[in-house]
């Protein structure tokens, strides 16, 4: 099946009112964008406190948002491999912060690329290269960053041009990232064949993982099975729930309009919700959400999630574009009800 226009949306947890419906008289916190291009990062500061940073490290092979912090200053992203912390997993070095890519683009693996790939295998992997920041807008309650990227094969040939708008929104104890990404096939047709590895994801802190019961076998960055022995569950409190009422490890490979991951770090209750959009490809999306801390939505990889019953081989024709829209919300404090999450999902769908 050949499709032409895809939209992906991620939404997270929010409070029980529309972002756009807030009183015009009510000003949000100051959101400032600080550029440190010599360090290959741009920080997003909310009332002078770090929320996240747009980074393009040479050793990550793609732009990322890292770290990501709550309104209280608690980091929700895993430290490894950027800044390893004690008692966290050191698997999958390509899982860093919040990122967007895919495991099969014209036959090249963009998802798994990392410095752990041996030299003799690098010809099978693609890289997303940061080109420039084209626009920055600061403000009260929201700010915007526009970035240009290039998806290149091992020879340096561009397959896709990427233009992404990041909208950063803050109110109360809620932080929001709206990501609007346009991918354009700048040369020939670009295939994105059915693949488990995709497309938008966050790798969370150890405390937000699901408590582990047994040894876990995972695939490392070189494609080798790796056994991770049972770790201490002290302070580990993560729990998934989907819009369809499915919970915890059972959510993997299921379809749902949104997924909530909640847990506690220290004494702080935290929730991260990702929501799909009604206009997106494969709505409601499949979830590549794992107990060990990978939280991802993948509308393009059907085969593994359906055990081979269905397949989707997506493509972008030469000169054409596909748009992917996501909202990721990081919430601190009281639990978000299904009603609140649905209100926030509807709000996002109405905006874009």
Protein backbone atom coordinates (compact mmCIF):
# COMPACT_ATOMS: atom_id res chain seq x y z
CA UNK A 1 0.00 0.00 0.00
CA UNK A 2 1.40 3.41 -0.95
CA UNK A 3 0.19 6.39 1.02
CA UNK A 4 1.18 9.98 0.58
CA UNK A 5 0.35 12.16 3.52
CA UNK A 6 0.88 11.25 7.14
CA UNK A 7 0.26 13.07 10.36
CA UNK A 8 1.38 11.93 13.79
CA UNK A 9 0.41 13.62 17.00
CA UNK A 10 1.58 13.09 20.55
CA UNK A 11 -0.14 14.69 23.40
CA UNK A 12 0.50 14.50 27.05
CA UNK A 13 -1.24 15.23 30.24
CA UNK A 14 -2.74 18.54 30.90
CA UNK A 15 -5.07 20.42 33.10
CA UNK A 16 -8.86 20.59 32.74
CA UNK A 17 -9.13 23.59 30.47
CA UNK A 18 -8.24 24.65 26.97
CA UNK A 19 -4.83 26.21 26.51
CA UNK A 20 -6.27 28.69 24.03
CA UNK A 21 -9.33 29.35 26.13
CA UNK A 22 -7.36 30.96 28.94
CA UNK A 23 -8.20 34.56 29.70
CA UNK A 24 -6.25 37.03 27.62
CA UNK A 25 -5.72 39.01 30.81
CA UNK A 26 -3.92 36.08 32.42
CA UNK A 27 -0.26 36.11 31.49
CA UNK A 28 1.77 32.91 31.64
CA UNK A 29 5.30 32.60 32.94
CA UNK A 30 8.14 34.12 30.95
CA UNK A 31 9.62 31.66 28.43
CA UNK A 32 13.05 32.59 27.12
CA UNK A 33 15.23 30.90 24.50
CA UNK A 34 18.97 30.98 25.24
CA UNK A 35 21.36 30.10 22.38
CA UNK A 36 24.63 28.29 23.05
CA UNK A 37 25.41 27.22 19.51
CA UNK A 38 29.10 26.70 20.29
CA UNK A 39 27.91 23.98 22.69
CA UNK A 40 25.37 22.75 20.11
CA UNK A 41 22.35 23.44 22.28
CA UNK A 42 19.56 25.96 22.79
CA UNK A 43 17.95 26.11 26.22
CA UNK A 44 14.28 26.76 26.95
CA UNK A 45 13.95 28.64 30.24
CA UNK A 46 10.64 29.11 32.06
CA UNK A 47 10.84 31.87 34.65
CA UNK A 48 14.63 31.49 34.37
CA UNK A 49 14.46 27.75 35.19
CA UNK A 50 15.56 25.14 32.64
CA UNK A 51 12.68 23.22 31.08
CA UNK A 52 14.54 21.50 28.24
CA UNK A 53 17.25 22.07 25.64
CA UNK A 54 17.28 21.48 21.90
CA UNK A 55 20.61 19.71 21.31
CA UNK A 56 22.51 18.27 18.35
CA UNK A 57 25.53 16.43 19.82
CA UNK A 58 27.91 14.77 17.37
CA UNK A 59 27.64 11.47 19.24
CA UNK A 60 23.83 11.18 19.19
CA UNK A 61 23.25 11.13 15.38
CA UNK A 62 20.03 13.19 15.61
CA UNK A 63 18.70 16.34 17.27
CA UNK A 64 17.06 15.74 20.65
CA UNK A 65 15.31 17.53 23.47
CA UNK A 66 17.44 16.80 26.54
CA UNK A 67 17.11 16.98 29.45
CA UNK A 68 13.39 17.42 30.13
CA UNK A 69 12.34 18.70 33.55
CA UNK A 70 9.06 19.19 35.39
CA UNK A 71 7.88 22.55 36.72
CA UNK A 72 9.53 21.57 40.01
CA UNK A 73 12.91 20.99 38.34
CA UNK A 74 12.81 17.17 38.41
CA UNK A 75 14.39 15.44 35.41
CA UNK A 76 12.08 12.92 33.73
CA UNK A 77 14.54 11.75 31.06
CA UNK A 78 17.17 9.04 31.53
CA UNK A 79 20.71 10.35 32.06
CA UNK A 80 22.58 7.68 30.04
CA UNK A 81 24.44 8.10 27.73
CA UNK A 82 24.70 11.89 28.06
CA UNK A 83 25.01 12.16 31.84
CA UNK A 84 24.79 8.68 33.42
CA UNK A 85 23.22 8.46 36.86
CA UNK A 86 23.54 5.71 39.46
CA UNK A 87 21.13 2.75 39.31
CA UNK A 88 19.84 3.33 35.80
CA UNK A 89 19.95 1.04 32.78
CA UNK A 90 22.73 1.46 30.22
CA UNK A 91 21.04 -0.31 27.29
CA UNK A 92 20.11 1.21 23.94
CA UNK A 93 22.52 4.17 23.72
CA UNK A 94 20.38 5.64 20.93
CA UNK A 95 17.52 6.25 23.39
CA UNK A 96 18.25 9.84 24.41
CA UNK A 97 15.79 12.46 25.67
CA UNK A 98 12.89 13.07 23.28
CA UNK A 99 13.54 12.27 19.62
CA UNK A 100 11.88 11.59 16.26
CA UNK A 101 13.12 9.19 13.59
CA UNK A 102 12.52 5.80 12.01
CA UNK A 103 14.12 2.39 11.57
CA UNK A 104 13.83 2.03 7.77
CA UNK A 105 14.16 5.02 5.44
CA UNK A 106 15.11 3.84 1.95
CA UNK A 107 16.61 0.80 3.66
CA UNK A 108 18.75 2.78 6.14
CA UNK A 109 18.28 2.52 9.89
CA UNK A 110 18.03 5.99 11.41
CA UNK A 111 16.57 4.84 14.74
CA UNK A 112 19.43 2.65 16.03
CA UNK A 113 22.38 4.74 14.93
CA UNK A 114 24.89 5.57 17.69
CA UNK A 115 28.66 5.50 18.34
CA UNK A 116 28.20 1.89 19.46
CA UNK A 117 27.77 0.82 15.82
CA UNK A 118 30.95 -0.82 14.57
CA UNK A 119 32.73 0.79 11.62
CA UNK A 120 32.07 -2.17 9.33
CA UNK A 121 28.29 -1.79 9.83
CA UNK A 122 27.93 1.97 9.52
CA UNK A 123 26.92 1.78 5.87
CA UNK A 124 23.51 0.55 6.99
CA UNK A 125 22.66 3.56 9.15
CA UNK A 126 21.38 7.07 8.48
CA UNK A 127 21.95 10.33 10.37
CA UNK A 128 19.74 13.36 10.98
CA UNK A 129 22.00 16.41 10.66
CA UNK A 130 21.08 19.74 12.21
CA UNK A 131 21.32 22.56 9.65
CA UNK A 132 20.12 25.76 11.33
CA UNK A 133 17.65 27.52 13.59
CA UNK A 134 15.42 29.58 11.30
CA UNK A 135 13.19 31.32 13.83
CA UNK A 136 12.89 31.98 17.55
CA UNK A 137 9.99 33.66 19.33
CA UNK A 138 9.87 34.23 23.10
CA UNK A 139 6.85 35.21 25.16
CA UNK A 140 4.63 34.88 28.20
CA UNK A 141 3.15 31.41 28.51
CA UNK A 142 4.50 30.21 25.16
CA UNK A 143 7.53 30.37 22.90
CA UNK A 144 8.56 28.91 19.55
CA UNK A 145 11.70 27.49 17.97
CA UNK A 146 11.94 26.59 14.28
CA UNK A 147 14.68 24.15 13.21
CA UNK A 148 15.91 22.80 9.87
CA UNK A 149 17.39 19.28 9.61
CA UNK A 150 18.68 16.96 6.88
CA UNK A 151 18.17 13.17 6.85
CA UNK A 152 21.27 11.83 5.11
CA UNK A 153 22.43 8.38 4.08
CA UNK A 154 25.96 7.07 4.87
CA UNK A 155 27.37 8.75 1.75
CA UNK A 156 26.00 12.14 2.84
CA UNK A 157 23.17 12.22 0.31
CA UNK A 158 20.02 13.90 1.58
CA UNK A 159 16.90 11.73 1.53
CA UNK A 160 14.58 14.02 3.49
CA UNK A 161 14.58 17.66 4.41
CA UNK A 162 13.00 18.32 7.81
CA UNK A 163 11.45 21.53 9.09
CA UNK A 164 10.17 21.39 12.65
CA UNK A 165 8.37 23.93 14.80
CA UNK A 166 8.63 23.41 18.55
CA UNK A 167 6.03 25.26 20.60
CA UNK A 168 6.77 25.43 24.33
CA UNK A 169 3.78 26.19 26.58
CA UNK A 170 3.62 26.60 30.34
CA UNK A 171 0.88 27.17 32.87
CA UNK A 172 0.52 26.09 36.47
CA UNK A 173 2.51 22.90 36.97
CA UNK A 174 2.04 21.78 33.37
CA UNK A 175 4.67 21.98 30.65
CA UNK A 176 3.83 21.30 26.99
CA UNK A 177 5.87 20.65 23.87
CA UNK A 178 4.00 20.83 20.57
CA UNK A 179 6.10 19.43 17.72
CA UNK A 180 5.04 20.06 14.11
CA UNK A 181 7.40 18.32 11.68
CA UNK A 182 7.32 18.48 7.89
CA UNK A 183 9.39 15.89 6.00
CA UNK A 184 10.03 16.55 2.31
CA UNK A 185 11.48 14.04 -0.16
CA UNK A 186 14.04 16.29 -1.83
CA UNK A 187 15.31 13.80 -4.39
CA UNK A 188 13.57 10.57 -5.36
CA UNK A 189 10.64 8.85 -3.68
CA UNK A 190 11.43 7.96 -0.06
CA UNK A 191 10.15 4.69 1.37
CA UNK A 192 9.49 4.20 5.08
CA UNK A 193 8.83 0.48 5.13
CA UNK A 194 6.98 -1.22 7.95
CA UNK A 195 9.33 -1.20 10.95
CA UNK A 196 8.97 -1.56 14.72
CA UNK A 197 11.44 1.23 15.48
CA UNK A 198 9.66 4.57 15.42
CA UNK A 199 8.68 7.27 15.41
CA UNK A 200 8.42 9.71 18.29
CA UNK A 201 9.73 8.70 21.69
CA UNK A 202 11.00 9.61 25.11
CA UNK A 203 13.33 7.50 27.26
CA UNK A 204 12.33 8.10 30.85
CA UNK A 205 14.15 8.14 34.18
CA UNK A 206 14.50 4.87 36.10
CA UNK A 207 11.84 5.90 38.65
CA UNK A 208 9.23 6.13 35.87
CA UNK A 209 9.94 2.63 34.55
CA UNK A 210 7.60 -0.21 35.45
CA UNK A 211 8.94 -2.35 38.31
CA UNK A 212 10.98 -5.16 36.71
CA UNK A 213 10.18 -8.73 37.70
CA UNK A 214 12.71 -10.83 35.81
CA UNK A 215 15.76 -10.66 33.62
CA UNK A 216 15.04 -8.74 30.43
CA UNK A 217 16.45 -9.56 27.00
CA UNK A 218 16.77 -6.47 24.83
CA UNK A 219 18.47 -5.70 21.55
CA UNK A 220 21.46 -3.43 21.89
CA UNK A 221 22.59 -0.78 19.39
CA UNK A 222 24.60 -3.40 17.46
CA UNK A 223 21.57 -5.63 17.04
CA UNK A 224 22.76 -8.19 19.59
CA UNK A 225 20.48 -9.69 22.25
CA UNK A 226 21.51 -8.41 25.66
CA UNK A 227 20.32 -9.83 28.98
CA UNK A 228 19.63 -7.22 31.62
CA UNK A 229 19.46 -8.83 35.04
CA UNK A 230 16.70 -7.95 37.46
CA UNK A 231 17.37 -4.58 39.03
CA UNK A 232 16.34 -3.15 42.37
CA UNK A 233 12.80 -1.78 42.25
CA UNK A 234 13.36 0.65 45.08
CA UNK A 235 11.80 3.96 44.09
CA UNK A 236 10.50 2.54 40.76
CA UNK A 237 6.81 3.37 40.39
CA UNK A 238 5.88 3.76 36.72
CA UNK A 239 2.49 2.68 35.42
CA UNK A 240 0.96 2.92 31.94
CA UNK A 241 -2.72 3.32 31.17
CA UNK A 242 -4.25 3.79 27.75
CA UNK A 243 -7.41 5.49 26.54
CA UNK A 244 -8.81 1.98 26.03
CA UNK A 245 -8.32 0.98 29.66
CA UNK A 246 -5.28 -1.25 29.10
CA UNK A 247 -2.51 -1.03 31.69
CA UNK A 248 1.21 -1.51 32.24
CA UNK A 249 3.14 -4.10 30.16
CA UNK A 250 -0.04 -5.08 28.29
CA UNK A 251 -0.13 -1.74 26.44
CA UNK A 252 2.71 -2.69 24.09
CA UNK A 253 1.48 -3.29 20.50
CA UNK A 254 -2.06 -2.12 21.31
CA UNK A 255 -3.81 0.80 19.66
CA UNK A 256 -5.07 3.77 21.63
CA UNK A 257 -5.87 7.45 21.23
CA UNK A 258 -3.51 8.35 24.08
CA UNK A 259 -1.18 6.78 26.59
CA UNK A 260 -0.42 7.98 30.11
CA UNK A 261 2.77 7.12 31.98
CA UNK A 262 2.70 8.19 35.61
CA UNK A 263 4.91 7.65 38.63
CA UNK A 264 6.70 9.30 41.53
CA UNK A 265 10.22 10.72 41.72
CA UNK A 266 11.11 11.60 45.29
CA UNK A 267 7.87 13.03 46.64
CA UNK A 268 6.70 14.42 43.31
CA UNK A 269 3.84 12.85 41.37
CA UNK A 270 4.59 13.05 37.65
CA UNK A 271 2.64 12.19 34.52
CA UNK A 272 3.66 12.08 30.86
CA UNK A 273 0.89 11.61 28.32
CA UNK A 274 1.25 11.12 24.57
CA UNK A 275 -1.85 11.46 22.39
CA UNK A 276 -2.54 10.60 18.80
CA UNK A 277 -4.45 12.90 16.41
CA UNK A 278 -7.63 11.91 14.52
CA UNK A 279 -6.10 12.97 11.19
CA UNK A 280 -2.95 10.94 11.68
CA UNK A 281 -1.97 7.86 9.74
CA UNK A 282 -3.19 4.69 11.48
CA UNK A 283 -5.29 6.50 14.08
CA UNK A 284 -5.48 5.31 16.76
CA UNK A 285 -1.75 4.61 16.71
CA UNK A 286 0.14 1.51 17.81
CA UNK A 287 2.20 1.94 20.97
CA UNK A 288 5.84 0.90 21.22
CA UNK A 289 5.74 1.46 24.99
CA UNK A 290 8.00 -0.72 27.10
CA UNK A 291 8.29 -1.24 30.84
CA UNK A 292 12.04 -0.56 30.80
CA UNK A 293 11.52 3.11 29.99
CA UNK A 294 10.99 3.45 26.22
CA UNK A 295 7.74 5.34 25.63
CA UNK A 296 6.98 5.67 21.90
CA UNK A 297 4.12 5.93 19.41
CA UNK A 298 4.56 4.27 16.02
CA UNK A 299 1.81 4.62 13.38
CA UNK A 300 4.02 3.22 10.58
CA UNK A 301 5.05 -0.19 11.93
CA UNK A 302 2.12 -2.58 11.71
CA UNK A 303 3.65 -5.99 11.09
CA UNK A 304 5.31 -6.65 14.44
CA UNK A 305 2.37 -5.23 16.38
CA UNK A 306 -0.15 -7.44 14.54
CA UNK A 307 2.12 -10.51 14.47
CA UNK A 308 2.30 -10.33 10.69
CA UNK A 309 -1.43 -10.04 10.04
CA UNK A 310 -1.16 -6.52 8.61
CA UNK A 311 1.61 -4.54 6.91
CA UNK A 312 2.03 -0.85 6.11
CA UNK A 313 4.76 0.32 3.76
CA UNK A 314 4.58 4.09 3.76
CA UNK A 315 6.27 6.39 1.25
CA UNK A 316 6.72 10.07 0.45
CA UNK A 317 6.79 10.79 -3.31
CA UNK A 318 9.61 12.90 -4.75
CA UNK A 319 9.06 16.58 -4.06
CA UNK A 320 6.13 15.92 -1.71
CA UNK A 321 5.88 16.33 2.05
CA UNK A 322 4.35 14.63 5.04
CA UNK A 323 3.49 16.39 8.28
CA UNK A 324 3.77 14.84 11.74
CA UNK A 325 2.19 16.62 14.70
CA UNK A 326 2.79 15.81 18.36
CA UNK A 327 2.06 17.20 21.76
CA UNK A 328 4.03 16.02 24.77
CA UNK A 329 2.96 17.30 28.18
CA UNK A 330 4.84 16.91 31.41
CA UNK A 331 2.60 17.39 34.44
CA UNK A 332 3.49 17.65 38.11
CA UNK A 333 1.02 17.17 40.94
CA UNK A 334 -2.45 15.72 41.11
CA UNK A 335 -3.35 12.87 38.78
CA UNK A 336 -4.86 13.69 35.42
CA UNK A 337 -8.22 12.06 34.84
CA UNK A 338 -9.35 10.60 31.53
CA UNK A 339 -11.66 13.61 31.17
CA UNK A 340 -8.77 16.06 31.54
CA UNK A 341 -6.58 14.17 29.08
CA UNK A 342 -9.40 13.99 26.52
CA UNK A 343 -9.95 17.75 26.89
CA UNK A 344 -6.28 18.38 26.21
CA UNK A 345 -6.27 16.03 23.21
CA UNK A 346 -9.28 17.85 21.78
CA UNK A 347 -7.60 21.20 22.39
CA UNK A 348 -4.50 20.12 20.47
CA UNK A 349 -6.53 18.70 17.60
CA UNK A 350 -8.39 21.99 17.28
CA UNK A 351 -5.18 24.04 17.10
CA UNK A 352 -3.42 22.14 14.33
